[in-house]
């Protein structure tokens, strides 16, 4: 929504408001997103772009907002040194070498940029919207490794699966993983269930805790150096549904790359 000049209580000249609103309209038109005008709902110091979310009850909430403030910089006497200041004040990007030699002081515009709005309200909306079943990129429980049998050989293999799929380097210890990792290296929240319970109960517990994926490791996987990857739930499943999504046999590296792609797509 483009929130424009309020009818009363605003500060600044009409010309300043018209120029600021025109700049925001241009930005919205170039974004290729759907938008509408929210007449008179701007801040007293400038117009703004608001993002409105609708909760499960149909109630609307303003979340993210980007606001132009061209009044406070003037009142505080803020300036910066810029080439071709006359052109810049008119919104013209000068490329004339002679003009660029002429420097002057220009008053900036402050952009108030709140990406989520109120963080507590935003998280509350997400919790209600996803009903605890978080998308993969946002989930605190992205995957869990479940050994079919608790033999020493299978458990060792399952621990290695957890390390590779999570994206941690081979030398990293899960007990003391305090070494900084490369910023470009994706890592994921992957747990392992080494309890002595029945396999079916482990799967049920993973689904109850809303893990996104269950990684099953058994004797067949150990010999083939693969894992069986399946979704723990689908978006339409109810809590009482005992079914687990179809599993695929994949290598550990293939699972890691799948997780990278899911996160890239915000899936």
C-alpha atoms as a PDB file:
ATOM      1  CA  UNK A   1       0.000   0.000   0.000  1.00  0.00           C
ATOM      2  CA  UNK A   2       1.139   3.566  -0.772  1.00  0.00           C
ATOM      3  CA  UNK A   3       0.061   5.663   2.213  1.00  0.00           C
ATOM      4  CA  UNK A   4      -0.263   9.299   1.168  1.00  0.00           C
ATOM      5  CA  UNK A   5      -0.384  12.690   2.892  1.00  0.00           C
ATOM      6  CA  UNK A   6      -2.827  12.907   5.792  1.00  0.00           C
ATOM      7  CA  UNK A   7      -5.504  15.584   5.537  1.00  0.00           C
ATOM      8  CA  UNK A   8      -4.464  17.247   8.774  1.00  0.00           C
ATOM      9  CA  UNK A   9      -1.440  17.458  11.043  1.00  0.00           C
ATOM     10  CA  UNK A  10       1.228  17.003   8.368  1.00  0.00           C
ATOM     11  CA  UNK A  11       4.375  19.102   8.147  1.00  0.00           C
ATOM     12  CA  UNK A  12       6.162  20.330   5.040  1.00  0.00           C
ATOM     13  CA  UNK A  13       4.995  21.945   1.825  1.00  0.00           C
ATOM     14  CA  UNK A  14       2.592  20.400  -0.681  1.00  0.00           C
ATOM     15  CA  UNK A  15       5.359  20.447  -3.289  1.00  0.00           C
ATOM     16  CA  UNK A  16       7.626  18.323  -1.080  1.00  0.00           C
ATOM     17  CA  UNK A  17       4.817  15.853  -0.458  1.00  0.00           C
ATOM     18  CA  UNK A  18       3.950  15.601  -4.147  1.00  0.00           C
ATOM     19  CA  UNK A  19       7.585  14.941  -5.061  1.00  0.00           C
ATOM     20  CA  UNK A  20       8.000  12.298  -2.332  1.00  0.00           C
ATOM     21  CA  UNK A  21       4.765  10.499  -3.270  1.00  0.00           C
ATOM     22  CA  UNK A  22       5.748  10.536  -6.925  1.00  0.00           C
ATOM     23  CA  UNK A  23       9.096   8.923  -6.063  1.00  0.00           C
ATOM     24  CA  UNK A  24       7.390   6.113  -4.130  1.00  0.00           C
ATOM     25  CA  UNK A  25       4.868   5.567  -6.928  1.00  0.00           C
ATOM     26  CA  UNK A  26       7.726   5.165  -9.386  1.00  0.00           C
ATOM     27  CA  UNK A  27       9.399   2.599  -7.112  1.00  0.00           C
ATOM     28  CA  UNK A  28       6.195   0.600  -6.763  1.00  0.00           C
ATOM     29  CA  UNK A  29       5.507   0.645 -10.501  1.00  0.00           C
ATOM     30  CA  UNK A  30       9.043  -0.582 -11.220  1.00  0.00           C
ATOM     31  CA  UNK A  31       8.677  -3.408  -8.673  1.00  0.00           C
ATOM     32  CA  UNK A  32       6.085  -5.265 -10.815  1.00  0.00           C
ATOM     33  CA  UNK A  33       4.145  -6.010  -7.619  1.00  0.00           C
ATOM     34  CA  UNK A  34       0.452  -5.355  -7.069  1.00  0.00           C
ATOM     35  CA  UNK A  35      -0.184  -2.257  -4.980  1.00  0.00           C
ATOM     36  CA  UNK A  36      -2.909   0.218  -4.113  1.00  0.00           C
ATOM     37  CA  UNK A  37      -3.177   3.690  -2.604  1.00  0.00           C
ATOM     38  CA  UNK A  38      -4.127   4.060   1.059  1.00  0.00           C
ATOM     39  CA  UNK A  39      -5.303   7.648   0.941  1.00  0.00           C
ATOM     40  CA  UNK A  40      -4.340   9.879   3.868  1.00  0.00           C
ATOM     41  CA  UNK A  41      -2.592   7.190   5.959  1.00  0.00           C
ATOM     42  CA  UNK A  42       0.957   8.521   5.625  1.00  0.00           C
ATOM     43  CA  UNK A  43       3.056   9.630   8.586  1.00  0.00           C
ATOM     44  CA  UNK A  44       2.915  13.314   9.497  1.00  0.00           C
ATOM     45  CA  UNK A  45       6.452  13.779   8.161  1.00  0.00           C
ATOM     46  CA  UNK A  46       6.179  11.908   4.849  1.00  0.00           C
ATOM     47  CA  UNK A  47       4.513   9.204   2.728  1.00  0.00           C
ATOM     48  CA  UNK A  48       5.253   5.496   3.167  1.00  0.00           C
ATOM     49  CA  UNK A  49       4.947   2.050   1.624  1.00  0.00           C
ATOM     50  CA  UNK A  50       3.205  -0.446   3.901  1.00  0.00           C
ATOM     51  CA  UNK A  51       2.915  -4.222   3.593  1.00  0.00           C
ATOM     52  CA  UNK A  52      -0.378  -5.618   4.892  1.00  0.00           C
ATOM     53  CA  UNK A  53      -0.773  -9.250   5.985  1.00  0.00           C
ATOM     54  CA  UNK A  54      -4.081 -10.992   6.641  1.00  0.00           C
ATOM     55  CA  UNK A  55      -4.284 -13.503   9.500  1.00  0.00           C
ATOM     56  CA  UNK A  56      -6.370 -16.687   9.642  1.00  0.00           C
ATOM     57  CA  UNK A  57      -9.362 -14.706  10.991  1.00  0.00           C
ATOM     58  CA  UNK A  58      -9.257 -12.267   8.087  1.00  0.00           C
ATOM     59  CA  UNK A  59      -7.917  -9.408  10.202  1.00  0.00           C
ATOM     60  CA  UNK A  60      -5.359  -7.158   8.503  1.00  0.00           C
ATOM     61  CA  UNK A  61      -2.034  -6.249  10.101  1.00  0.00           C
ATOM     62  CA  UNK A  62       0.507  -3.700   8.929  1.00  0.00           C
ATOM     63  CA  UNK A  63       3.958  -5.292   9.061  1.00  0.00           C
ATOM     64  CA  UNK A  64       6.850  -4.054   6.932  1.00  0.00           C
ATOM     65  CA  UNK A  65       7.020  -0.332   6.217  1.00  0.00           C
ATOM     66  CA  UNK A  66       9.316   2.021   4.302  1.00  0.00           C
ATOM     67  CA  UNK A  67       8.832   5.688   5.139  1.00  0.00           C
ATOM     68  CA  UNK A  68      10.278   8.828   3.560  1.00  0.00           C
ATOM     69  CA  UNK A  69      11.209  11.526   6.068  1.00  0.00           C
ATOM     70  CA  UNK A  70      12.203  14.785   4.422  1.00  0.00           C
ATOM     71  CA  UNK A  71      11.310  17.004   7.399  1.00  0.00           C
ATOM     72  CA  UNK A  72      13.590  15.934  10.261  1.00  0.00           C
ATOM     73  CA  UNK A  73      16.809  16.337   8.193  1.00  0.00           C
ATOM     74  CA  UNK A  74      15.768  19.948   7.536  1.00  0.00           C
ATOM     75  CA  UNK A  75      14.880  20.595  11.180  1.00  0.00           C
ATOM     76  CA  UNK A  76      18.192  19.171  12.395  1.00  0.00           C
ATOM     77  CA  UNK A  77      20.133  21.008   9.709  1.00  0.00           C
ATOM     78  CA  UNK A  78      21.592  17.813   8.212  1.00  0.00           C
ATOM     79  CA  UNK A  79      23.650  18.201   5.039  1.00  0.00           C
ATOM     80  CA  UNK A  80      26.240  16.290   3.010  1.00  0.00           C
ATOM     81  CA  UNK A  81      28.730  17.393   0.369  1.00  0.00           C
ATOM     82  CA  UNK A  82      27.684  16.331  -3.135  1.00  0.00           C
ATOM     83  CA  UNK A  83      28.767  17.094  -6.705  1.00  0.00           C
ATOM     84  CA  UNK A  84      26.245  18.937  -8.893  1.00  0.00           C
ATOM     85  CA  UNK A  85      23.941  19.676  -5.912  1.00  0.00           C
ATOM     86  CA  UNK A  86      21.360  21.602  -7.959  1.00  0.00           C
ATOM     87  CA  UNK A  87      20.825  18.639 -10.269  1.00  0.00           C
ATOM     88  CA  UNK A  88      20.717  16.224  -7.348  1.00  0.00           C
ATOM     89  CA  UNK A  89      18.080  18.250  -5.510  1.00  0.00           C
ATOM     90  CA  UNK A  90      15.930  17.988  -8.658  1.00  0.00           C
ATOM     91  CA  UNK A  91      16.430  14.230  -8.832  1.00  0.00           C
ATOM     92  CA  UNK A  92      18.663  14.481 -11.902  1.00  0.00           C
ATOM     93  CA  UNK A  93      21.732  12.237 -12.178  1.00  0.00           C
ATOM     94  CA  UNK A  94      24.314  14.522 -13.747  1.00  0.00           C
ATOM     95  CA  UNK A  95      27.051  13.108 -15.976  1.00  0.00           C
ATOM     96  CA  UNK A  96      28.383  16.485 -17.114  1.00  0.00           C
ATOM     97  CA  UNK A  97      32.089  16.667 -16.070  1.00  0.00           C
ATOM     98  CA  UNK A  98      31.876  20.430 -15.611  1.00  0.00           C
ATOM     99  CA  UNK A  99      28.857  20.169 -13.334  1.00  0.00           C
ATOM    100  CA  UNK A 100      30.483  17.394 -11.325  1.00  0.00           C
ATOM    101  CA  UNK A 101      33.373  19.737 -10.498  1.00  0.00           C
ATOM    102  CA  UNK A 102      30.949  22.022  -8.647  1.00  0.00           C
ATOM    103  CA  UNK A 103      30.334  20.721  -5.142  1.00  0.00           C
ATOM    104  CA  UNK A 104      27.788  21.932  -2.639  1.00  0.00           C
ATOM    105  CA  UNK A 105      25.859  20.922   0.439  1.00  0.00           C
ATOM    106  CA  UNK A 106      22.593  19.018   0.013  1.00  0.00           C
ATOM    107  CA  UNK A 107      19.947  18.115   2.600  1.00  0.00           C
ATOM    108  CA  UNK A 108      19.395  14.332   2.687  1.00  0.00           C
ATOM    109  CA  UNK A 109      16.144  12.407   3.009  1.00  0.00           C
ATOM    110  CA  UNK A 110      15.874   9.833   5.805  1.00  0.00           C
ATOM    111  CA  UNK A 111      14.393   6.429   4.933  1.00  0.00           C
ATOM    112  CA  UNK A 112      12.782   4.639   7.868  1.00  0.00           C
ATOM    113  CA  UNK A 113      12.931   0.966   6.894  1.00  0.00           C
ATOM    114  CA  UNK A 114      11.287  -1.688   9.098  1.00  0.00           C
ATOM    115  CA  UNK A 115      11.510  -5.046   7.312  1.00  0.00           C
ATOM    116  CA  UNK A 116       9.207  -6.999   9.622  1.00  0.00           C
ATOM    117  CA  UNK A 117       7.434  -4.267  11.547  1.00  0.00           C
ATOM    118  CA  UNK A 118       6.938  -5.390  15.138  1.00  0.00           C
ATOM    119  CA  UNK A 119       9.025  -8.571  15.387  1.00  0.00           C
ATOM    120  CA  UNK A 120       6.773 -10.099  18.059  1.00  0.00           C
ATOM    121  CA  UNK A 121       3.632  -9.513  15.996  1.00  0.00           C
ATOM    122  CA  UNK A 122       5.315 -10.802  12.846  1.00  0.00           C
ATOM    123  CA  UNK A 123       6.432 -14.036  14.543  1.00  0.00           C
ATOM    124  CA  UNK A 124       2.947 -14.478  16.014  1.00  0.00           C
ATOM    125  CA  UNK A 125       1.434 -14.192  12.532  1.00  0.00           C
ATOM    126  CA  UNK A 126       3.908 -16.755  11.180  1.00  0.00           C
ATOM    127  CA  UNK A 127       3.177 -19.212  14.005  1.00  0.00           C
ATOM    128  CA  UNK A 128      -0.549 -18.929  13.390  1.00  0.00           C
ATOM    129  CA  UNK A 129      -0.193 -19.123   9.607  1.00  0.00           C
ATOM    130  CA  UNK A 130       2.022 -22.215   9.545  1.00  0.00           C
ATOM    131  CA  UNK A 131       0.398 -23.870  12.594  1.00  0.00           C
ATOM    132  CA  UNK A 132       3.811 -25.046  13.773  1.00  0.00           C
ATOM    133  CA  UNK A 133       4.678 -26.647  10.404  1.00  0.00           C
ATOM    134  CA  UNK A 134       7.410 -24.257   9.332  1.00  0.00           C
ATOM    135  CA  UNK A 135       8.711 -24.049   5.763  1.00  0.00           C
ATOM    136  CA  UNK A 136      12.131 -25.625   5.399  1.00  0.00           C
ATOM    137  CA  UNK A 137      14.129 -22.376   5.150  1.00  0.00           C
ATOM    138  CA  UNK A 138      12.629 -21.059   8.399  1.00  0.00           C
ATOM    139  CA  UNK A 139      12.366 -24.269  10.397  1.00  0.00           C
ATOM    140  CA  UNK A 140      14.345 -24.825  13.606  1.00  0.00           C
ATOM    141  CA  UNK A 141      13.965 -28.586  12.966  1.00  0.00           C
ATOM    142  CA  UNK A 142      14.804 -29.065   9.322  1.00  0.00           C
ATOM    143  CA  UNK A 143      15.690 -32.767   9.369  1.00  0.00           C
ATOM    144  CA  UNK A 144      16.344 -35.696  11.680  1.00  0.00           C
ATOM    145  CA  UNK A 145      18.392 -38.824  11.045  1.00  0.00           C
ATOM    146  CA  UNK A 146      16.779 -42.031  12.355  1.00  0.00           C
ATOM    147  CA  UNK A 147      18.768 -45.301  12.328  1.00  0.00           C
ATOM    148  CA  UNK A 148      16.616 -48.348  11.607  1.00  0.00           C
ATOM    149  CA  UNK A 149      18.749 -50.494  13.955  1.00  0.00           C
ATOM    150  CA  UNK A 150      21.013 -49.352  16.773  1.00  0.00           C
ATOM    151  CA  UNK A 151      24.053 -51.404  15.818  1.00  0.00           C
ATOM    152  CA  UNK A 152      27.426 -49.711  16.241  1.00  0.00           C
ATOM    153  CA  UNK A 153      28.079 -49.738  12.504  1.00  0.00           C
ATOM    154  CA  UNK A 154      24.755 -48.175  11.535  1.00  0.00           C
ATOM    155  CA  UNK A 155      24.931 -45.581  14.324  1.00  0.00           C
ATOM    156  CA  UNK A 156      28.411 -44.483  13.192  1.00  0.00           C
ATOM    157  CA  UNK A 157      27.146 -44.180   9.642  1.00  0.00           C
ATOM    158  CA  UNK A 158      24.076 -42.209  10.826  1.00  0.00           C
ATOM    159  CA  UNK A 159      26.319 -39.764  12.710  1.00  0.00           C
ATOM    160  CA  UNK A 160      28.376 -39.209   9.568  1.00  0.00           C
ATOM    161  CA  UNK A 161      25.169 -38.683   7.572  1.00  0.00           C
ATOM    162  CA  UNK A 162      24.109 -36.026  10.058  1.00  0.00           C
ATOM    163  CA  UNK A 163      27.436 -34.227   9.704  1.00  0.00           C
ATOM    164  CA  UNK A 164      27.497 -34.264   5.897  1.00  0.00           C
ATOM    165  CA  UNK A 165      23.832 -33.314   5.415  1.00  0.00           C
ATOM    166  CA  UNK A 166      24.078 -30.495   7.938  1.00  0.00           C
ATOM    167  CA  UNK A 167      26.951 -28.983   5.948  1.00  0.00           C
ATOM    168  CA  UNK A 168      29.554 -29.114   8.691  1.00  0.00           C
ATOM    169  CA  UNK A 169      33.139 -29.854   7.590  1.00  0.00           C
ATOM    170  CA  UNK A 170      34.521 -33.292   8.355  1.00  0.00           C
ATOM    171  CA  UNK A 171      36.864 -32.097  11.105  1.00  0.00           C
ATOM    172  CA  UNK A 172      34.082 -30.364  13.077  1.00  0.00           C
ATOM    173  CA  UNK A 173      33.011 -32.035  16.310  1.00  0.00           C
ATOM    174  CA  UNK A 174      29.333 -31.931  17.257  1.00  0.00           C
ATOM    175  CA  UNK A 175      30.362 -31.709  20.905  1.00  0.00           C
ATOM    176  CA  UNK A 176      32.641 -28.712  20.379  1.00  0.00           C
ATOM    177  CA  UNK A 177      31.503 -26.955  17.189  1.00  0.00           C
ATOM    178  CA  UNK A 178      32.749 -23.494  18.133  1.00  0.00           C
ATOM    179  CA  UNK A 179      35.051 -22.896  15.166  1.00  0.00           C
ATOM    180  CA  UNK A 180      33.737 -20.244  12.765  1.00  0.00           C
ATOM    181  CA  UNK A 181      32.459 -21.539   9.425  1.00  0.00           C
ATOM    182  CA  UNK A 182      32.822 -19.905   6.028  1.00  0.00           C
ATOM    183  CA  UNK A 183      30.026 -17.404   5.368  1.00  0.00           C
ATOM    184  CA  UNK A 184      29.413 -18.972   1.962  1.00  0.00           C
ATOM    185  CA  UNK A 185      28.886 -22.453   3.422  1.00  0.00           C
ATOM    186  CA  UNK A 186      25.234 -23.383   4.009  1.00  0.00           C
ATOM    187  CA  UNK A 187      24.503 -25.273   7.209  1.00  0.00           C
ATOM    188  CA  UNK A 188      21.244 -26.876   8.303  1.00  0.00           C
ATOM    189  CA  UNK A 189      19.546 -27.904  11.543  1.00  0.00           C
ATOM    190  CA  UNK A 190      19.866 -31.696  11.490  1.00  0.00           C
ATOM    191  CA  UNK A 191      19.304 -33.872  14.584  1.00  0.00           C
ATOM    192  CA  UNK A 192      19.732 -37.581  15.182  1.00  0.00           C
ATOM    193  CA  UNK A 193      17.577 -39.943  17.237  1.00  0.00           C
ATOM    194  CA  UNK A 194      19.806 -42.465  19.036  1.00  0.00           C
ATOM    195  CA  UNK A 195      17.187 -43.524  21.553  1.00  0.00           C
ATOM    196  CA  UNK A 196      16.473 -47.239  22.051  1.00  0.00           C
ATOM    197  CA  UNK A 197      12.777 -47.034  21.201  1.00  0.00           C
ATOM    198  CA  UNK A 198      10.920 -48.666  18.340  1.00  0.00           C
ATOM    199  CA  UNK A 199      11.606 -47.269  14.889  1.00  0.00           C
ATOM    200  CA  UNK A 200       7.898 -46.517  14.284  1.00  0.00           C
ATOM    201  CA  UNK A 201       7.737 -44.516  17.520  1.00  0.00           C
ATOM    202  CA  UNK A 202      10.808 -42.508  16.505  1.00  0.00           C
ATOM    203  CA  UNK A 203       9.146 -41.623  13.202  1.00  0.00           C
ATOM    204  CA  UNK A 204       5.943 -40.661  14.987  1.00  0.00           C
ATOM    205  CA  UNK A 205       7.884 -38.495  17.448  1.00  0.00           C
ATOM    206  CA  UNK A 206       9.698 -36.746  14.563  1.00  0.00           C
ATOM    207  CA  UNK A 207       6.384 -35.921  12.919  1.00  0.00           C
ATOM    208  CA  UNK A 208       4.908 -34.697  16.201  1.00  0.00           C
ATOM    209  CA  UNK A 209       7.871 -32.331  16.596  1.00  0.00           C
ATOM    210  CA  UNK A 210       7.275 -31.080  13.026  1.00  0.00           C
ATOM    211  CA  UNK A 211      10.610 -31.957  11.467  1.00  0.00           C
ATOM    212  CA  UNK A 212      10.495 -31.146   7.762  1.00  0.00           C
ATOM    213  CA  UNK A 213      12.394 -34.244   6.616  1.00  0.00           C
ATOM    214  CA  UNK A 214      13.138 -37.673   8.029  1.00  0.00           C
ATOM    215  CA  UNK A 215      16.390 -39.291   6.941  1.00  0.00           C
ATOM    216  CA  UNK A 216      16.280 -43.047   7.460  1.00  0.00           C
ATOM    217  CA  UNK A 217      19.513 -45.047   7.638  1.00  0.00           C
ATOM    218  CA  UNK A 218      19.480 -48.845   7.573  1.00  0.00           C
ATOM    219  CA  UNK A 219      21.642 -51.787   6.574  1.00  0.00           C
ATOM    220  CA  UNK A 220      20.770 -51.347   2.888  1.00  0.00           C
ATOM    221  CA  UNK A 221      21.763 -47.667   3.008  1.00  0.00           C
ATOM    222  CA  UNK A 222      24.998 -48.462   4.804  1.00  0.00           C
ATOM    223  CA  UNK A 223      26.088 -50.884   2.076  1.00  0.00           C
ATOM    224  CA  UNK A 224      25.037 -48.565  -0.770  1.00  0.00           C
ATOM    225  CA  UNK A 225      26.338 -45.375   0.936  1.00  0.00           C
ATOM    226  CA  UNK A 226      22.894 -43.778   0.591  1.00  0.00           C
ATOM    227  CA  UNK A 227      20.068 -42.538   2.803  1.00  0.00           C
ATOM    228  CA  UNK A 228      16.276 -42.712   2.483  1.00  0.00           C
ATOM    229  CA  UNK A 229      14.890 -39.173   2.497  1.00  0.00           C
ATOM    230  CA  UNK A 230      11.205 -38.426   2.935  1.00  0.00           C
ATOM    231  CA  UNK A 231       9.057 -35.474   4.069  1.00  0.00           C
ATOM    232  CA  UNK A 232       7.815 -35.790   7.634  1.00  0.00           C
ATOM    233  CA  UNK A 233       4.490 -34.178   6.747  1.00  0.00           C
ATOM    234  CA  UNK A 234       2.636 -32.481   3.934  1.00  0.00           C
ATOM    235  CA  UNK A 235       0.902 -29.133   4.232  1.00  0.00           C
ATOM    236  CA  UNK A 236      -2.541 -30.740   4.276  1.00  0.00           C
ATOM    237  CA  UNK A 237      -1.847 -33.437   6.853  1.00  0.00           C
ATOM    238  CA  UNK A 238      -3.603 -33.488  10.186  1.00  0.00           C
ATOM    239  CA  UNK A 239      -1.800 -34.347  13.395  1.00  0.00           C
ATOM    240  CA  UNK A 240      -3.459 -37.760  13.546  1.00  0.00           C
ATOM    241  CA  UNK A 241      -2.272 -38.839  10.098  1.00  0.00           C
ATOM    242  CA  UNK A 242       0.288 -41.596  10.604  1.00  0.00           C
ATOM    243  CA  UNK A 243       1.456 -41.702   6.988  1.00  0.00           C
ATOM    244  CA  UNK A 244       4.908 -40.502   5.992  1.00  0.00           C
ATOM    245  CA  UNK A 245       5.662 -39.043   2.573  1.00  0.00           C
ATOM    246  CA  UNK A 246       7.291 -41.174  -0.111  1.00  0.00           C
ATOM    247  CA  UNK A 247      11.015 -41.704   0.505  1.00  0.00           C
ATOM    248  CA  UNK A 248      13.793 -41.533  -2.056  1.00  0.00           C
ATOM    249  CA  UNK A 249      17.204 -43.176  -1.871  1.00  0.00           C
ATOM    250  CA  UNK A 250      19.846 -40.497  -2.312  1.00  0.00           C
ATOM    251  CA  UNK A 251      23.494 -39.930  -1.528  1.00  0.00           C
ATOM    252  CA  UNK A 252      24.388 -37.688   1.396  1.00  0.00           C
ATOM    253  CA  UNK A 253      25.744 -35.038  -0.973  1.00  0.00           C
ATOM    254  CA  UNK A 254      22.511 -35.114  -3.010  1.00  0.00           C
ATOM    255  CA  UNK A 255      20.478 -34.518   0.143  1.00  0.00           C
ATOM    256  CA  UNK A 256      22.695 -31.585   1.074  1.00  0.00           C
ATOM    257  CA  UNK A 257      22.261 -30.033  -2.378  1.00  0.00           C
ATOM    258  CA  UNK A 258      18.486 -30.558  -2.169  1.00  0.00           C
ATOM    259  CA  UNK A 259      18.437 -28.641   1.119  1.00  0.00           C
ATOM    260  CA  UNK A 260      20.473 -25.835  -0.454  1.00  0.00           C
ATOM    261  CA  UNK A 261      17.942 -25.582  -3.303  1.00  0.00           C
ATOM    262  CA  UNK A 262      14.986 -25.603  -0.895  1.00  0.00           C
ATOM    263  CA  UNK A 263      16.484 -22.743   1.088  1.00  0.00           C
ATOM    264  CA  UNK A 264      17.272 -20.798  -2.084  1.00  0.00           C
ATOM    265  CA  UNK A 265      13.624 -21.051  -3.128  1.00  0.00           C
ATOM    266  CA  UNK A 266      12.297 -20.199   0.372  1.00  0.00           C
ATOM    267  CA  UNK A 267      10.422 -23.490   0.249  1.00  0.00           C
END
